């Protein structure tokens, strides 16, 4: 019998997780983002309030001070700044100095700490955060090493939050948009991130929402995709031209009109193995 409070989400992809032909290809695609800070920050969506509230509801309170968060693979600081705005003391960690420079410009000077280091070996003190977050980046890491580092960084009872924004391809026109754009971060509905043995999944949820964008920005959004960034100029131009045709001719939007781009945010919350969140813990996917 179906559960009206937790209706099934239609299958969205045959892809269990992002796939890379070789380790060298994975490294090349990851490196492609190094110089995309300004476009990435302007065009990629933030994270819905409901997902942020769920994360903070599970992260333990600090004793007499602001809760501390380490945002691994922080990029331009989209999630870092959202957490800082909610009163957390945030350290954004990334391997790209250019991305972190963009992150520092995202809000008042001195509010966000940045740290240049890989997620697998940050060099930060053990037990230094009530919350460790990873948004859009876990699949770029060595999952076993990053899991061990997250466990090391977490204070007792701390939470690891893995977050992905994905185009909501359950909607037909968005499905075609994603194919034209070569969006490679669409996961299967039963997707679970690969994590190390030291972590235990305590909650999973899905949040569906829209990001309003002018049509020109929807086209430019493709420029922040690793496939397009690394493509030869002729192929890149063809992708952008196809998006122009799809939005303005096929879908009939006026150039510059605002389009609500549907997203789904998948959230996975973990604690160190053996540390639960109480009798009401529920790791089923829950749509917002």
C-alpha atoms as a PDB file:
ATOM      1  CA  UNK A   1       0.000   0.000   0.000  1.00  0.00           C
ATOM      2  CA  UNK A   2       1.354   3.423  -0.906  1.00  0.00           C
ATOM      3  CA  UNK A   3       2.156   5.914   1.822  1.00  0.00           C
ATOM      4  CA  UNK A   4       0.466   9.293   1.094  1.00  0.00           C
ATOM      5  CA  UNK A   5       3.020  11.073   3.284  1.00  0.00           C
ATOM      6  CA  UNK A   6       5.946   9.570   1.360  1.00  0.00           C
ATOM      7  CA  UNK A   7       4.783   9.093  -2.263  1.00  0.00           C
ATOM      8  CA  UNK A   8       7.252   7.388  -4.598  1.00  0.00           C
ATOM      9  CA  UNK A   9       9.382   9.609  -6.782  1.00  0.00           C
ATOM     10  CA  UNK A  10       9.423   8.555 -10.462  1.00  0.00           C
ATOM     11  CA  UNK A  11      12.679   7.074 -11.782  1.00  0.00           C
ATOM     12  CA  UNK A  12      14.872   9.926 -12.943  1.00  0.00           C
ATOM     13  CA  UNK A  13      17.965   8.284 -14.384  1.00  0.00           C
ATOM     14  CA  UNK A  14      19.715   4.985 -15.051  1.00  0.00           C
ATOM     15  CA  UNK A  15      22.887   6.478 -13.602  1.00  0.00           C
ATOM     16  CA  UNK A  16      23.755   5.207 -10.122  1.00  0.00           C
ATOM     17  CA  UNK A  17      26.430   7.872  -9.687  1.00  0.00           C
ATOM     18  CA  UNK A  18      28.638   9.991 -11.946  1.00  0.00           C
ATOM     19  CA  UNK A  19      30.890   7.778 -14.038  1.00  0.00           C
ATOM     20  CA  UNK A  20      34.349   8.561 -15.391  1.00  0.00           C
ATOM     21  CA  UNK A  21      36.143   6.585 -18.086  1.00  0.00           C
ATOM     22  CA  UNK A  22      39.479   6.816 -16.305  1.00  0.00           C
ATOM     23  CA  UNK A  23      41.003   8.418 -13.223  1.00  0.00           C
ATOM     24  CA  UNK A  24      42.781  10.835 -15.563  1.00  0.00           C
ATOM     25  CA  UNK A  25      39.447  11.868 -17.109  1.00  0.00           C
ATOM     26  CA  UNK A  26      37.964  12.418 -13.652  1.00  0.00           C
ATOM     27  CA  UNK A  27      40.924  14.621 -12.705  1.00  0.00           C
ATOM     28  CA  UNK A  28      40.653  16.612 -15.947  1.00  0.00           C
ATOM     29  CA  UNK A  29      36.932  17.239 -15.480  1.00  0.00           C
ATOM     30  CA  UNK A  30      37.406  18.280 -11.853  1.00  0.00           C
ATOM     31  CA  UNK A  31      40.203  20.663 -12.855  1.00  0.00           C
ATOM     32  CA  UNK A  32      37.941  22.219 -15.498  1.00  0.00           C
ATOM     33  CA  UNK A  33      36.093  24.152 -12.801  1.00  0.00           C
ATOM     34  CA  UNK A  34      39.234  25.871 -11.499  1.00  0.00           C
ATOM     35  CA  UNK A  35      38.774  29.005 -13.620  1.00  0.00           C
ATOM     36  CA  UNK A  36      34.968  29.081 -13.659  1.00  0.00           C
ATOM     37  CA  UNK A  37      34.431  30.767 -10.295  1.00  0.00           C
ATOM     38  CA  UNK A  38      32.546  33.872 -11.417  1.00  0.00           C
ATOM     39  CA  UNK A  39      30.221  32.056 -13.852  1.00  0.00           C
ATOM     40  CA  UNK A  40      29.670  29.177 -11.436  1.00  0.00           C
ATOM     41  CA  UNK A  41      28.760  31.551  -8.611  1.00  0.00           C
ATOM     42  CA  UNK A  42      26.415  33.611 -10.785  1.00  0.00           C
ATOM     43  CA  UNK A  43      24.643  30.775 -12.574  1.00  0.00           C
ATOM     44  CA  UNK A  44      24.554  27.712 -10.332  1.00  0.00           C
ATOM     45  CA  UNK A  45      21.630  27.616  -7.890  1.00  0.00           C
ATOM     46  CA  UNK A  46      21.842  27.930  -4.146  1.00  0.00           C
ATOM     47  CA  UNK A  47      20.139  25.500  -1.766  1.00  0.00           C
ATOM     48  CA  UNK A  48      16.500  25.546  -0.624  1.00  0.00           C
ATOM     49  CA  UNK A  49      15.702  26.754   2.871  1.00  0.00           C
ATOM     50  CA  UNK A  50      13.939  23.479   3.737  1.00  0.00           C
ATOM     51  CA  UNK A  51      17.119  21.485   3.108  1.00  0.00           C
ATOM     52  CA  UNK A  52      19.203  23.898   5.183  1.00  0.00           C
ATOM     53  CA  UNK A  53      16.705  23.748   8.033  1.00  0.00           C
ATOM     54  CA  UNK A  54      16.799  19.953   7.991  1.00  0.00           C
ATOM     55  CA  UNK A  55      20.599  19.961   8.164  1.00  0.00           C
ATOM     56  CA  UNK A  56      20.659  22.390  11.070  1.00  0.00           C
ATOM     57  CA  UNK A  57      17.926  20.510  12.924  1.00  0.00           C
ATOM     58  CA  UNK A  58      20.210  17.460  13.056  1.00  0.00           C
ATOM     59  CA  UNK A  59      23.545  19.172  13.770  1.00  0.00           C
ATOM     60  CA  UNK A  60      24.207  19.312  17.531  1.00  0.00           C
ATOM     61  CA  UNK A  61      24.261  22.606  19.365  1.00  0.00           C
ATOM     62  CA  UNK A  62      27.636  23.944  20.469  1.00  0.00           C
ATOM     63  CA  UNK A  63      28.320  24.607  24.144  1.00  0.00           C
ATOM     64  CA  UNK A  64      28.187  28.362  24.646  1.00  0.00           C
ATOM     65  CA  UNK A  65      29.375  29.358  21.168  1.00  0.00           C
ATOM     66  CA  UNK A  66      28.339  29.319  17.519  1.00  0.00           C
ATOM     67  CA  UNK A  67      28.144  25.928  15.863  1.00  0.00           C
ATOM     68  CA  UNK A  68      31.119  25.221  13.614  1.00  0.00           C
ATOM     69  CA  UNK A  69      30.856  23.927  10.063  1.00  0.00           C
ATOM     70  CA  UNK A  70      33.493  22.684   7.637  1.00  0.00           C
ATOM     71  CA  UNK A  71      32.321  22.913   4.012  1.00  0.00           C
ATOM     72  CA  UNK A  72      34.472  20.510   1.957  1.00  0.00           C
ATOM     73  CA  UNK A  73      34.843  21.153  -1.762  1.00  0.00           C
ATOM     74  CA  UNK A  74      33.212  24.507  -1.055  1.00  0.00           C
ATOM     75  CA  UNK A  75      33.911  26.011  -4.475  1.00  0.00           C
ATOM     76  CA  UNK A  76      32.538  29.544  -4.610  1.00  0.00           C
ATOM     77  CA  UNK A  77      30.893  29.186  -1.205  1.00  0.00           C
ATOM     78  CA  UNK A  78      27.222  28.818  -2.144  1.00  0.00           C
ATOM     79  CA  UNK A  79      26.489  26.552   0.815  1.00  0.00           C
ATOM     80  CA  UNK A  80      29.184  28.096   3.026  1.00  0.00           C
ATOM     81  CA  UNK A  81      27.541  31.507   2.960  1.00  0.00           C
ATOM     82  CA  UNK A  82      24.051  30.059   3.468  1.00  0.00           C
ATOM     83  CA  UNK A  83      25.298  28.414   6.673  1.00  0.00           C
ATOM     84  CA  UNK A  84      27.143  31.558   7.784  1.00  0.00           C
ATOM     85  CA  UNK A  85      23.919  33.542   7.303  1.00  0.00           C
ATOM     86  CA  UNK A  86      22.293  31.183   9.811  1.00  0.00           C
ATOM     87  CA  UNK A  87      24.851  31.979  12.487  1.00  0.00           C
ATOM     88  CA  UNK A  88      27.391  29.203  11.985  1.00  0.00           C
ATOM     89  CA  UNK A  89      31.144  29.677  12.105  1.00  0.00           C
ATOM     90  CA  UNK A  90      32.104  28.318   8.680  1.00  0.00           C
ATOM     91  CA  UNK A  91      35.401  27.238   7.142  1.00  0.00           C
ATOM     92  CA  UNK A  92      35.246  26.745   3.366  1.00  0.00           C
ATOM     93  CA  UNK A  93      37.769  24.148   2.151  1.00  0.00           C
ATOM     94  CA  UNK A  94      38.741  23.694  -1.499  1.00  0.00           C
ATOM     95  CA  UNK A  95      41.742  22.870  -3.669  1.00  0.00           C
ATOM     96  CA  UNK A  96      41.171  25.881  -5.951  1.00  0.00           C
ATOM     97  CA  UNK A  97      42.574  29.208  -4.776  1.00  0.00           C
ATOM     98  CA  UNK A  98      40.527  30.970  -7.493  1.00  0.00           C
ATOM     99  CA  UNK A  99      37.278  29.424  -6.271  1.00  0.00           C
ATOM    100  CA  UNK A 100      38.039  30.375  -2.669  1.00  0.00           C
ATOM    101  CA  UNK A 101      38.858  33.917  -3.750  1.00  0.00           C
ATOM    102  CA  UNK A 102      35.398  34.137  -5.300  1.00  0.00           C
ATOM    103  CA  UNK A 103      33.938  32.691  -2.102  1.00  0.00           C
ATOM    104  CA  UNK A 104      35.581  35.344   0.059  1.00  0.00           C
ATOM    105  CA  UNK A 105      33.900  38.045  -2.028  1.00  0.00           C
ATOM    106  CA  UNK A 106      30.458  36.533  -1.377  1.00  0.00           C
ATOM    107  CA  UNK A 107      29.778  38.449   1.837  1.00  0.00           C
ATOM    108  CA  UNK A 108      31.232  40.684   4.552  1.00  0.00           C
ATOM    109  CA  UNK A 109      35.011  40.477   4.823  1.00  0.00           C
ATOM    110  CA  UNK A 110      36.220  38.235   7.618  1.00  0.00           C
ATOM    111  CA  UNK A 111      32.917  36.384   7.979  1.00  0.00           C
ATOM    112  CA  UNK A 112      33.929  33.275   6.064  1.00  0.00           C
ATOM    113  CA  UNK A 113      37.147  31.426   6.760  1.00  0.00           C
ATOM    114  CA  UNK A 114      38.781  29.712   3.795  1.00  0.00           C
ATOM    115  CA  UNK A 115      41.322  26.907   3.734  1.00  0.00           C
ATOM    116  CA  UNK A 116      43.207  25.604   0.706  1.00  0.00           C
ATOM    117  CA  UNK A 117      43.383  21.809   1.032  1.00  0.00           C
ATOM    118  CA  UNK A 118      41.958  18.571  -0.359  1.00  0.00           C
ATOM    119  CA  UNK A 119      38.873  17.127   1.301  1.00  0.00           C
ATOM    120  CA  UNK A 120      40.711  13.899   2.006  1.00  0.00           C
ATOM    121  CA  UNK A 121      43.434  15.577   4.092  1.00  0.00           C
ATOM    122  CA  UNK A 122      42.446  19.031   5.293  1.00  0.00           C
ATOM    123  CA  UNK A 123      45.038  19.459   8.032  1.00  0.00           C
ATOM    124  CA  UNK A 124      42.341  20.965  10.271  1.00  0.00           C
ATOM    125  CA  UNK A 125      42.093  19.941  13.921  1.00  0.00           C
ATOM    126  CA  UNK A 126      40.247  16.761  14.871  1.00  0.00           C
ATOM    127  CA  UNK A 127      36.775  17.254  16.341  1.00  0.00           C
ATOM    128  CA  UNK A 128      36.654  20.870  15.191  1.00  0.00           C
ATOM    129  CA  UNK A 129      33.100  20.984  13.766  1.00  0.00           C
ATOM    130  CA  UNK A 130      29.564  20.038  14.690  1.00  0.00           C
ATOM    131  CA  UNK A 131      28.749  19.889  10.969  1.00  0.00           C
ATOM    132  CA  UNK A 132      30.694  18.844   7.873  1.00  0.00           C
ATOM    133  CA  UNK A 133      29.011  19.566   4.538  1.00  0.00           C
ATOM    134  CA  UNK A 134      29.725  18.627   0.942  1.00  0.00           C
ATOM    135  CA  UNK A 135      27.606  20.178  -1.810  1.00  0.00           C
ATOM    136  CA  UNK A 136      27.929  19.043  -5.444  1.00  0.00           C
ATOM    137  CA  UNK A 137      31.402  17.674  -4.776  1.00  0.00           C
ATOM    138  CA  UNK A 138      31.427  14.253  -3.078  1.00  0.00           C
ATOM    139  CA  UNK A 139      31.777  12.372  -6.384  1.00  0.00           C
ATOM    140  CA  UNK A 140      35.029  14.231  -7.073  1.00  0.00           C
ATOM    141  CA  UNK A 141      36.625  12.917  -3.854  1.00  0.00           C
ATOM    142  CA  UNK A 142      38.178   9.618  -2.891  1.00  0.00           C
ATOM    143  CA  UNK A 143      35.142   8.432  -0.943  1.00  0.00           C
ATOM    144  CA  UNK A 144      37.003   6.264   1.559  1.00  0.00           C
ATOM    145  CA  UNK A 145      39.621   8.889   2.423  1.00  0.00           C
ATOM    146  CA  UNK A 146      37.079  11.733   2.519  1.00  0.00           C
ATOM    147  CA  UNK A 147      34.798   9.672   4.786  1.00  0.00           C
ATOM    148  CA  UNK A 148      37.636   9.054   7.228  1.00  0.00           C
ATOM    149  CA  UNK A 149      38.524  12.738   7.209  1.00  0.00           C
ATOM    150  CA  UNK A 150      34.912  13.766   7.832  1.00  0.00           C
ATOM    151  CA  UNK A 151      34.691  11.408  10.808  1.00  0.00           C
ATOM    152  CA  UNK A 152      37.956  12.832  12.144  1.00  0.00           C
ATOM    153  CA  UNK A 153      36.726  16.429  11.794  1.00  0.00           C
ATOM    154  CA  UNK A 154      33.362  15.882  13.485  1.00  0.00           C
ATOM    155  CA  UNK A 155      32.868  16.672  17.146  1.00  0.00           C
ATOM    156  CA  UNK A 156      30.952  14.018  19.147  1.00  0.00           C
ATOM    157  CA  UNK A 157      27.427  13.671  17.740  1.00  0.00           C
ATOM    158  CA  UNK A 158      28.343  15.740  14.675  1.00  0.00           C
ATOM    159  CA  UNK A 159      26.673  15.387  11.290  1.00  0.00           C
ATOM    160  CA  UNK A 160      27.983  14.957   7.759  1.00  0.00           C
ATOM    161  CA  UNK A 161      25.593  16.372   5.131  1.00  0.00           C
ATOM    162  CA  UNK A 162      25.997  15.412   1.462  1.00  0.00           C
ATOM    163  CA  UNK A 163      23.929  17.591  -0.862  1.00  0.00           C
ATOM    164  CA  UNK A 164      23.223  17.521  -4.595  1.00  0.00           C
ATOM    165  CA  UNK A 165      21.185  19.949  -6.692  1.00  0.00           C
ATOM    166  CA  UNK A 166      19.956  18.262  -9.856  1.00  0.00           C
ATOM    167  CA  UNK A 167      17.694  19.406 -12.660  1.00  0.00           C
ATOM    168  CA  UNK A 168      14.280  17.852 -11.997  1.00  0.00           C
ATOM    169  CA  UNK A 169      14.102  15.594 -15.030  1.00  0.00           C
ATOM    170  CA  UNK A 170      10.792  14.075 -13.930  1.00  0.00           C
ATOM    171  CA  UNK A 171       9.424  17.101 -15.840  1.00  0.00           C
ATOM    172  CA  UNK A 172       9.590  16.332 -19.586  1.00  0.00           C
ATOM    173  CA  UNK A 173      10.850  19.698 -20.838  1.00  0.00           C
ATOM    174  CA  UNK A 174      13.562  19.705 -18.157  1.00  0.00           C
ATOM    175  CA  UNK A 175      14.570  16.166 -19.126  1.00  0.00           C
ATOM    176  CA  UNK A 176      15.229  17.332 -22.678  1.00  0.00           C
ATOM    177  CA  UNK A 177      16.986  20.461 -21.411  1.00  0.00           C
ATOM    178  CA  UNK A 178      19.342  18.298 -19.368  1.00  0.00           C
ATOM    179  CA  UNK A 179      20.120  16.103 -22.384  1.00  0.00           C
ATOM    180  CA  UNK A 180      20.931  19.100 -24.573  1.00  0.00           C
ATOM    181  CA  UNK A 181      23.026  20.608 -21.775  1.00  0.00           C
ATOM    182  CA  UNK A 182      24.832  17.294 -21.138  1.00  0.00           C
ATOM    183  CA  UNK A 183      24.070  17.536 -17.428  1.00  0.00           C
ATOM    184  CA  UNK A 184      26.036  14.619 -16.018  1.00  0.00           C
ATOM    185  CA  UNK A 185      24.947  14.912 -12.390  1.00  0.00           C
ATOM    186  CA  UNK A 186      21.516  13.258 -12.695  1.00  0.00           C
ATOM    187  CA  UNK A 187      21.329  10.243 -10.378  1.00  0.00           C
ATOM    188  CA  UNK A 188      19.092   7.219 -10.223  1.00  0.00           C
ATOM    189  CA  UNK A 189      16.223   7.438  -7.736  1.00  0.00           C
ATOM    190  CA  UNK A 190      17.767   4.739  -5.528  1.00  0.00           C
ATOM    191  CA  UNK A 191      21.143   6.501  -5.591  1.00  0.00           C
ATOM    192  CA  UNK A 192      23.103   6.350  -2.362  1.00  0.00           C
ATOM    193  CA  UNK A 193      26.532   7.991  -2.147  1.00  0.00           C
ATOM    194  CA  UNK A 194      29.515   5.726  -1.639  1.00  0.00           C
ATOM    195  CA  UNK A 195      30.856   6.378   1.865  1.00  0.00           C
ATOM    196  CA  UNK A 196      33.339   4.689   4.175  1.00  0.00           C
ATOM    197  CA  UNK A 197      32.524   2.164   6.866  1.00  0.00           C
ATOM    198  CA  UNK A 198      32.855   4.795   9.597  1.00  0.00           C
ATOM    199  CA  UNK A 199      29.631   6.553   8.564  1.00  0.00           C
ATOM    200  CA  UNK A 200      25.983   5.607   9.052  1.00  0.00           C
ATOM    201  CA  UNK A 201      23.095   7.073   7.036  1.00  0.00           C
ATOM    202  CA  UNK A 202      20.533   8.566   9.411  1.00  0.00           C
ATOM    203  CA  UNK A 203      18.247  10.532   7.085  1.00  0.00           C
ATOM    204  CA  UNK A 204      17.594  11.093   3.416  1.00  0.00           C
ATOM    205  CA  UNK A 205      15.229  13.598   1.828  1.00  0.00           C
ATOM    206  CA  UNK A 206      14.314  15.182  -1.491  1.00  0.00           C
ATOM    207  CA  UNK A 207      13.389  18.858  -1.843  1.00  0.00           C
ATOM    208  CA  UNK A 208      11.763  20.052  -5.081  1.00  0.00           C
ATOM    209  CA  UNK A 209      11.857  23.744  -5.983  1.00  0.00           C
ATOM    210  CA  UNK A 210      12.424  26.253  -8.809  1.00  0.00           C
ATOM    211  CA  UNK A 211      15.225  28.687  -9.582  1.00  0.00           C
ATOM    212  CA  UNK A 212      13.984  31.656 -11.698  1.00  0.00           C
ATOM    213  CA  UNK A 213      16.481  32.621 -14.423  1.00  0.00           C
ATOM    214  CA  UNK A 214      16.460  34.724 -17.612  1.00  0.00           C
ATOM    215  CA  UNK A 215      16.664  32.510 -20.680  1.00  0.00           C
ATOM    216  CA  UNK A 216      20.156  33.796 -21.472  1.00  0.00           C
ATOM    217  CA  UNK A 217      21.354  32.580 -18.076  1.00  0.00           C
ATOM    218  CA  UNK A 218      19.792  29.155 -18.658  1.00  0.00           C
ATOM    219  CA  UNK A 219      21.896  28.912 -21.812  1.00  0.00           C
ATOM    220  CA  UNK A 220      24.983  30.140 -19.986  1.00  0.00           C
ATOM    221  CA  UNK A 221      24.342  27.569 -17.261  1.00  0.00           C
ATOM    222  CA  UNK A 222      25.677  25.000 -19.720  1.00  0.00           C
ATOM    223  CA  UNK A 223      29.022  26.816 -19.649  1.00  0.00           C
ATOM    224  CA  UNK A 224      29.437  25.676 -16.020  1.00  0.00           C
ATOM    225  CA  UNK A 225      29.100  21.978 -16.949  1.00  0.00           C
ATOM    226  CA  UNK A 226      32.329  20.015 -17.150  1.00  0.00           C
ATOM    227  CA  UNK A 227      31.315  18.467 -20.496  1.00  0.00           C
ATOM    228  CA  UNK A 228      30.909  21.896 -22.095  1.00  0.00           C
ATOM    229  CA  UNK A 229      33.934  23.445 -20.381  1.00  0.00           C
ATOM    230  CA  UNK A 230      36.222  20.727 -21.745  1.00  0.00           C
ATOM    231  CA  UNK A 231      34.571  20.379 -25.177  1.00  0.00           C
ATOM    232  CA  UNK A 232      36.224  21.661 -28.383  1.00  0.00           C
ATOM    233  CA  UNK A 233      34.983  25.111 -29.399  1.00  0.00           C
ATOM    234  CA  UNK A 234      32.836  23.759 -32.260  1.00  0.00           C
ATOM    235  CA  UNK A 235      31.011  21.309 -29.974  1.00  0.00           C
ATOM    236  CA  UNK A 236      30.571  23.944 -27.281  1.00  0.00           C
ATOM    237  CA  UNK A 237      29.040  26.366 -29.804  1.00  0.00           C
ATOM    238  CA  UNK A 238      26.673  23.636 -31.020  1.00  0.00           C
ATOM    239  CA  UNK A 239      25.433  22.924 -27.474  1.00  0.00           C
ATOM    240  CA  UNK A 240      24.768  26.617 -26.820  1.00  0.00           C
ATOM    241  CA  UNK A 241      23.014  27.055 -30.186  1.00  0.00           C
ATOM    242  CA  UNK A 242      20.817  24.029 -29.492  1.00  0.00           C
ATOM    243  CA  UNK A 243      19.831  25.479 -26.117  1.00  0.00           C
ATOM    244  CA  UNK A 244      18.989  28.816 -27.769  1.00  0.00           C
ATOM    245  CA  UNK A 245      16.736  27.010 -30.267  1.00  0.00           C
ATOM    246  CA  UNK A 246      15.115  24.865 -27.580  1.00  0.00           C
ATOM    247  CA  UNK A 247      14.241  27.719 -25.225  1.00  0.00           C
ATOM    248  CA  UNK A 248      13.284  30.415 -27.721  1.00  0.00           C
ATOM    249  CA  UNK A 249      11.897  28.541 -30.717  1.00  0.00           C
ATOM    250  CA  UNK A 250      10.735  25.150 -29.494  1.00  0.00           C
ATOM    251  CA  UNK A 251       9.436  26.249 -26.062  1.00  0.00           C
ATOM    252  CA  UNK A 252       8.534  29.728 -27.308  1.00  0.00           C
ATOM    253  CA  UNK A 253      10.083  31.841 -24.547  1.00  0.00           C
ATOM    254  CA  UNK A 254      10.847  35.461 -25.385  1.00  0.00           C
ATOM    255  CA  UNK A 255      14.605  36.129 -25.219  1.00  0.00           C
ATOM    256  CA  UNK A 256      15.396  37.442 -21.746  1.00  0.00           C
ATOM    257  CA  UNK A 257      12.140  36.186 -20.233  1.00  0.00           C
ATOM    258  CA  UNK A 258      12.368  34.641 -16.777  1.00  0.00           C
ATOM    259  CA  UNK A 259      11.980  30.866 -16.649  1.00  0.00           C
ATOM    260  CA  UNK A 260      11.471  28.883 -13.455  1.00  0.00           C
ATOM    261  CA  UNK A 261      14.041  26.092 -13.753  1.00  0.00           C
ATOM    262  CA  UNK A 262      12.866  23.104 -11.669  1.00  0.00           C
ATOM    263  CA  UNK A 263      15.426  21.454  -9.409  1.00  0.00           C
ATOM    264  CA  UNK A 264      15.458  18.668  -6.869  1.00  0.00           C
ATOM    265  CA  UNK A 265      17.885  18.758  -3.964  1.00  0.00           C
ATOM    266  CA  UNK A 266      18.901  15.361  -2.613  1.00  0.00           C
ATOM    267  CA  UNK A 267      20.140  15.435   0.980  1.00  0.00           C
ATOM    268  CA  UNK A 268      21.905  12.606   2.832  1.00  0.00           C
ATOM    269  CA  UNK A 269      22.754  12.944   6.524  1.00  0.00           C
ATOM    270  CA  UNK A 270      25.324  10.757   8.281  1.00  0.00           C
ATOM    271  CA  UNK A 271      26.808  10.329  11.728  1.00  0.00           C
ATOM    272  CA  UNK A 272      29.788   8.350  12.889  1.00  0.00           C
ATOM    273  CA  UNK A 273      28.758   4.679  12.924  1.00  0.00           C
ATOM    274  CA  UNK A 274      26.977   3.737  16.145  1.00  0.00           C
ATOM    275  CA  UNK A 275      25.747   7.284  16.890  1.00  0.00           C
ATOM    276  CA  UNK A 276      22.020   7.533  16.163  1.00  0.00           C
ATOM    277  CA  UNK A 277      19.577  10.429  16.100  1.00  0.00           C
ATOM    278  CA  UNK A 278      16.897   8.938  18.315  1.00  0.00           C
ATOM    279  CA  UNK A 279      13.919   6.590  17.929  1.00  0.00           C
ATOM    280  CA  UNK A 280      12.237   8.683  15.222  1.00  0.00           C
ATOM    281  CA  UNK A 281      15.172   8.520  12.792  1.00  0.00           C
ATOM    282  CA  UNK A 282      13.935   7.794   9.263  1.00  0.00           C
ATOM    283  CA  UNK A 283      16.302   7.293   6.340  1.00  0.00           C
ATOM    284  CA  UNK A 284      13.559   6.978   3.715  1.00  0.00           C
ATOM    285  CA  UNK A 285      13.552   9.581   0.935  1.00  0.00           C
ATOM    286  CA  UNK A 286      11.036  12.275   1.797  1.00  0.00           C
ATOM    287  CA  UNK A 287       9.876  14.868  -0.759  1.00  0.00           C
ATOM    288  CA  UNK A 288       9.524  18.365   0.650  1.00  0.00           C
END
